[in-house]
Amino acid sequence: MAGLWRRSWLAPLYDRQTRALAIRAIRASRRGTGVRAWVTSPSAEYRDLDEGGWTFHEREFARSFYYPFNADRRQAALRGARPAWSARVRLVSPQYVIARTGVRARQFQFRVWPAEKARTSTPADQRWVNNPAYRSSGDPDTQRYGT
């Protein structure tokens, strides 16, 4: 499975910022809170939001944030261990602000939990690991990307 899915060209450009944000989120998890950050997007992208209501830049920023946590999850699975962390990105408000540079920004909340304290609200029969109908087909045209 390694190498099957490639990251888009934009997500790696955010890695430095999201790494610092992940460190802040891990520190905030000790207090049971998350951290908030503004994510900018070109104004034209707000005309073409994805199904979740996010722009392409927002989605790639979130993917960049999730990337080290997913890598940890894969490495833990290979070792037969549990992953260390579980992460969540949430849009705080659909309203945007316009920055001085002319780009728009929306505020997101980034939370991290120790994996053993993470919980799911998805019923067991609807989880992709338990139901083959929910699994990805491997076809990039029908692949579901979630964050």
C-alpha atoms as a PDB file:
ATOM      1  CA  MET A   1       0.000   0.000   0.000  1.00  0.00           C
ATOM      2  CA  ALA A   2       2.966   2.304   0.468  1.00  0.00           C
ATOM      3  CA  GLY A   3       3.350   4.625  -2.481  1.00  0.00           C
ATOM      4  CA  LEU A   4      -0.174   3.955  -3.787  1.00  0.00           C
ATOM      5  CA  TRP A   5      -1.524   7.390  -2.823  1.00  0.00           C
ATOM      6  CA  ARG A   6       0.509  10.484  -3.515  1.00  0.00           C
ATOM      7  CA  ARG A   7       0.297  13.809  -1.754  1.00  0.00           C
ATOM      8  CA  SER A   8      -0.742  16.801  -3.835  1.00  0.00           C
ATOM      9  CA  TRP A   9       1.847  19.420  -4.715  1.00  0.00           C
ATOM     10  CA  LEU A  10       0.455  21.875  -2.129  1.00  0.00           C
ATOM     11  CA  ALA A  11       0.356  19.813   1.081  1.00  0.00           C
ATOM     12  CA  PRO A  12       4.163  19.457   1.470  1.00  0.00           C
ATOM     13  CA  LEU A  13       4.514  23.244   1.243  1.00  0.00           C
ATOM     14  CA  TYR A  14       2.542  23.521   4.485  1.00  0.00           C
ATOM     15  CA  ASP A  15       4.577  20.895   6.389  1.00  0.00           C
ATOM     16  CA  ARG A  16       6.724  23.368   8.330  1.00  0.00           C
ATOM     17  CA  GLN A  17       3.705  25.356   9.570  1.00  0.00           C
ATOM     18  CA  THR A  18       1.612  22.298  10.355  1.00  0.00           C
ATOM     19  CA  ARG A  19       4.482  20.634  12.230  1.00  0.00           C
ATOM     20  CA  ALA A  20       4.721  23.655  14.529  1.00  0.00           C
ATOM     21  CA  LEU A  21       0.937  23.642  14.856  1.00  0.00           C
ATOM     22  CA  ALA A  22       0.953  19.922  15.720  1.00  0.00           C
ATOM     23  CA  ILE A  23       3.516  20.530  18.469  1.00  0.00           C
ATOM     24  CA  ARG A  24       1.345  23.326  19.879  1.00  0.00           C
ATOM     25  CA  ALA A  25      -1.736  21.056  19.665  1.00  0.00           C
ATOM     26  CA  ILE A  26       0.052  18.236  21.512  1.00  0.00           C
ATOM     27  CA  ARG A  27       1.046  20.670  24.276  1.00  0.00           C
ATOM     28  CA  ALA A  28      -2.534  22.004  24.423  1.00  0.00           C
ATOM     29  CA  SER A  29      -3.867  18.451  24.711  1.00  0.00           C
ATOM     30  CA  ARG A  30      -2.373  18.290  28.200  1.00  0.00           C
ATOM     31  CA  ARG A  31      -4.923  20.952  29.174  1.00  0.00           C
ATOM     32  CA  GLY A  32      -7.699  19.220  27.198  1.00  0.00           C
ATOM     33  CA  THR A  33      -7.883  22.009  24.613  1.00  0.00           C
ATOM     34  CA  GLY A  34      -6.912  22.577  21.016  1.00  0.00           C
ATOM     35  CA  VAL A  35      -5.285  25.422  19.139  1.00  0.00           C
ATOM     36  CA  ARG A  36      -6.788  27.752  16.574  1.00  0.00           C
ATOM     37  CA  ALA A  37      -5.125  29.024  13.434  1.00  0.00           C
ATOM     38  CA  TRP A  38      -6.099  31.056  10.399  1.00  0.00           C
ATOM     39  CA  VAL A  39      -5.789  29.278   7.056  1.00  0.00           C
ATOM     40  CA  THR A  40      -5.599  31.473   3.959  1.00  0.00           C
ATOM     41  CA  SER A  41      -6.922  30.734   0.495  1.00  0.00           C
ATOM     42  CA  PRO A  42      -7.054  32.726  -2.730  1.00  0.00           C
ATOM     43  CA  SER A  43     -10.397  34.510  -3.080  1.00  0.00           C
ATOM     44  CA  ALA A  44     -11.274  32.630  -6.280  1.00  0.00           C
ATOM     45  CA  GLU A  45     -11.339  29.304  -4.398  1.00  0.00           C
ATOM     46  CA  TYR A  46     -14.390  30.334  -2.377  1.00  0.00           C
ATOM     47  CA  ARG A  47     -16.502  29.952  -5.535  1.00  0.00           C
ATOM     48  CA  ASP A  48     -15.610  26.246  -5.708  1.00  0.00           C
ATOM     49  CA  LEU A  49     -15.837  24.724  -2.219  1.00  0.00           C
ATOM     50  CA  ASP A  50     -15.614  20.952  -1.799  1.00  0.00           C
ATOM     51  CA  GLU A  51     -18.359  18.780  -0.291  1.00  0.00           C
ATOM     52  CA  GLY A  52     -17.247  19.678   3.226  1.00  0.00           C
ATOM     53  CA  GLY A  53     -17.384  23.414   2.474  1.00  0.00           C
ATOM     54  CA  TRP A  54     -13.571  23.817   2.423  1.00  0.00           C
ATOM     55  CA  THR A  55     -11.340  25.376  -0.213  1.00  0.00           C
ATOM     56  CA  PHE A  56      -8.513  23.456  -1.877  1.00  0.00           C
ATOM     57  CA  HIS A  57      -5.877  25.282   0.228  1.00  0.00           C
ATOM     58  CA  GLU A  58      -7.783  24.598   3.472  1.00  0.00           C
ATOM     59  CA  ARG A  59      -8.126  20.902   2.621  1.00  0.00           C
ATOM     60  CA  GLU A  60      -4.437  20.586   1.784  1.00  0.00           C
ATOM     61  CA  PHE A  61      -3.455  22.413   4.984  1.00  0.00           C
ATOM     62  CA  ALA A  62      -5.549  19.891   6.939  1.00  0.00           C
ATOM     63  CA  ARG A  63      -3.974  16.976   5.035  1.00  0.00           C
ATOM     64  CA  SER A  64      -0.548  18.329   5.840  1.00  0.00           C
ATOM     65  CA  PHE A  65      -1.550  18.526   9.527  1.00  0.00           C
ATOM     66  CA  TYR A  66      -2.804  14.915   9.490  1.00  0.00           C
ATOM     67  CA  TYR A  67       0.193  13.547   7.575  1.00  0.00           C
ATOM     68  CA  PRO A  68       2.587  12.863  10.510  1.00  0.00           C
ATOM     69  CA  PHE A  69      -0.251  11.380  12.569  1.00  0.00           C
ATOM     70  CA  ASN A  70      -1.216   9.038   9.722  1.00  0.00           C
ATOM     71  CA  ALA A  71       2.433   8.056   9.226  1.00  0.00           C
ATOM     72  CA  ASP A  72       2.606   7.224  12.949  1.00  0.00           C
ATOM     73  CA  ARG A  73      -0.587   5.186  12.587  1.00  0.00           C
ATOM     74  CA  ARG A  74       0.881   3.191   9.672  1.00  0.00           C
ATOM     75  CA  GLN A  75       4.178   2.568  11.502  1.00  0.00           C
ATOM     76  CA  ALA A  76       2.318   1.443  14.621  1.00  0.00           C
ATOM     77  CA  ALA A  77       0.207  -0.964  12.564  1.00  0.00           C
ATOM     78  CA  LEU A  78       3.342  -2.479  11.035  1.00  0.00           C
ATOM     79  CA  ARG A  79       4.793  -3.007  14.522  1.00  0.00           C
ATOM     80  CA  GLY A  80       1.504  -4.403  15.798  1.00  0.00           C
ATOM     81  CA  ALA A  81       1.221  -1.529  18.264  1.00  0.00           C
ATOM     82  CA  ARG A  82      -1.298   1.227  18.853  1.00  0.00           C
ATOM     83  CA  PRO A  83      -0.716   4.691  17.393  1.00  0.00           C
ATOM     84  CA  ALA A  84       0.311   7.402  19.827  1.00  0.00           C
ATOM     85  CA  TRP A  85      -2.045  10.203  18.748  1.00  0.00           C
ATOM     86  CA  SER A  86      -5.421  10.891  17.206  1.00  0.00           C
ATOM     87  CA  ALA A  87      -6.040  14.261  15.515  1.00  0.00           C
ATOM     88  CA  ARG A  88      -9.055  16.336  14.468  1.00  0.00           C
ATOM     89  CA  VAL A  89      -9.408  19.492  12.353  1.00  0.00           C
ATOM     90  CA  ARG A  90     -12.614  21.517  12.553  1.00  0.00           C
ATOM     91  CA  LEU A  91     -13.750  24.697  10.814  1.00  0.00           C
ATOM     92  CA  VAL A  92     -14.623  27.191  13.573  1.00  0.00           C
ATOM     93  CA  SER A  93     -16.809  29.473  11.466  1.00  0.00           C
ATOM     94  CA  PRO A  94     -17.717  29.536   7.763  1.00  0.00           C
ATOM     95  CA  GLN A  95     -17.204  33.321   7.766  1.00  0.00           C
ATOM     96  CA  TYR A  96     -13.919  34.543   6.332  1.00  0.00           C
ATOM     97  CA  VAL A  97     -11.855  37.668   6.824  1.00  0.00           C
ATOM     98  CA  ILE A  98      -9.896  39.431   4.119  1.00  0.00           C
ATOM     99  CA  ALA A  99      -6.222  39.902   4.894  1.00  0.00           C
ATOM    100  CA  ARG A 100      -4.174  42.911   3.825  1.00  0.00           C
ATOM    101  CA  THR A 101      -2.725  40.913   0.961  1.00  0.00           C
ATOM    102  CA  GLY A 102      -6.185  40.333  -0.540  1.00  0.00           C
ATOM    103  CA  VAL A 103      -6.454  36.652   0.355  1.00  0.00           C
ATOM    104  CA  ARG A 104      -9.255  35.349   2.525  1.00  0.00           C
ATOM    105  CA  ALA A 105      -8.752  33.398   5.719  1.00  0.00           C
ATOM    106  CA  ARG A 106     -10.946  31.247   7.937  1.00  0.00           C
ATOM    107  CA  GLN A 107     -10.254  30.032  11.431  1.00  0.00           C
ATOM    108  CA  PHE A 108      -9.791  26.328  12.144  1.00  0.00           C
ATOM    109  CA  GLN A 109      -9.382  24.402  15.391  1.00  0.00           C
ATOM    110  CA  PHE A 110      -6.723  21.692  15.600  1.00  0.00           C
ATOM    111  CA  ARG A 111      -7.054  19.122  18.406  1.00  0.00           C
ATOM    112  CA  VAL A 112      -4.940  16.127  19.319  1.00  0.00           C
ATOM    113  CA  TRP A 113      -5.641  13.356  21.833  1.00  0.00           C
ATOM    114  CA  PRO A 114      -3.627  10.404  23.038  1.00  0.00           C
ATOM    115  CA  ALA A 115      -4.935   7.548  20.872  1.00  0.00           C
ATOM    116  CA  GLU A 116      -6.052   5.455  23.836  1.00  0.00           C
ATOM    117  CA  LYS A 117      -8.437   8.274  24.841  1.00  0.00           C
ATOM    118  CA  ALA A 118      -9.839   8.822  21.343  1.00  0.00           C
ATOM    119  CA  ARG A 119     -13.394   7.761  20.698  1.00  0.00           C
ATOM    120  CA  THR A 120     -15.562   7.392  17.639  1.00  0.00           C
ATOM    121  CA  SER A 121     -19.161   8.323  17.072  1.00  0.00           C
ATOM    122  CA  THR A 122     -19.468   6.098  13.991  1.00  0.00           C
ATOM    123  CA  PRO A 123     -21.494   2.926  14.597  1.00  0.00           C
ATOM    124  CA  ALA A 124     -19.416  -0.249  14.288  1.00  0.00           C
ATOM    125  CA  ASP A 125     -21.269  -1.512  11.190  1.00  0.00           C
ATOM    126  CA  GLN A 126     -20.533   1.756   9.338  1.00  0.00           C
ATOM    127  CA  ARG A 127     -16.784   1.830   9.966  1.00  0.00           C
ATOM    128  CA  TRP A 128     -14.745   1.073   6.869  1.00  0.00           C
ATOM    129  CA  VAL A 129     -12.695  -1.572   8.672  1.00  0.00           C
ATOM    130  CA  ASN A 130     -15.841  -3.563   9.456  1.00  0.00           C
ATOM    131  CA  ASN A 131     -17.760  -3.058   6.204  1.00  0.00           C
ATOM    132  CA  PRO A 132     -16.135  -3.679   2.782  1.00  0.00           C
ATOM    133  CA  ALA A 133     -18.733  -1.432   1.092  1.00  0.00           C
ATOM    134  CA  TYR A 134     -17.177   1.608   2.797  1.00  0.00           C
ATOM    135  CA  ARG A 135     -13.607   0.822   1.783  1.00  0.00           C
ATOM    136  CA  SER A 136     -11.841   2.694  -0.987  1.00  0.00           C
ATOM    137  CA  SER A 137     -11.704   0.999  -4.327  1.00  0.00           C
ATOM    138  CA  GLY A 138      -8.208   2.217  -5.188  1.00  0.00           C
ATOM    139  CA  ASP A 139      -9.587   4.032  -8.231  1.00  0.00           C
ATOM    140  CA  PRO A 140      -8.506   7.706  -7.977  1.00  0.00           C
ATOM    141  CA  ASP A 141     -11.752   8.798  -9.702  1.00  0.00           C
ATOM    142  CA  THR A 142     -13.911   7.236  -6.992  1.00  0.00           C
ATOM    143  CA  GLN A 143     -11.518   7.567  -4.068  1.00  0.00           C
ATOM    144  CA  ARG A 144     -13.045   9.294  -1.061  1.00  0.00           C
ATOM    145  CA  TYR A 145     -10.728  11.719   0.669  1.00  0.00           C
ATOM    146  CA  GLY A 146     -11.644  12.578   4.228  1.00  0.00           C
ATOM    147  CA  THR A 147     -10.009  14.566   6.902  1.00  0.00           C
END
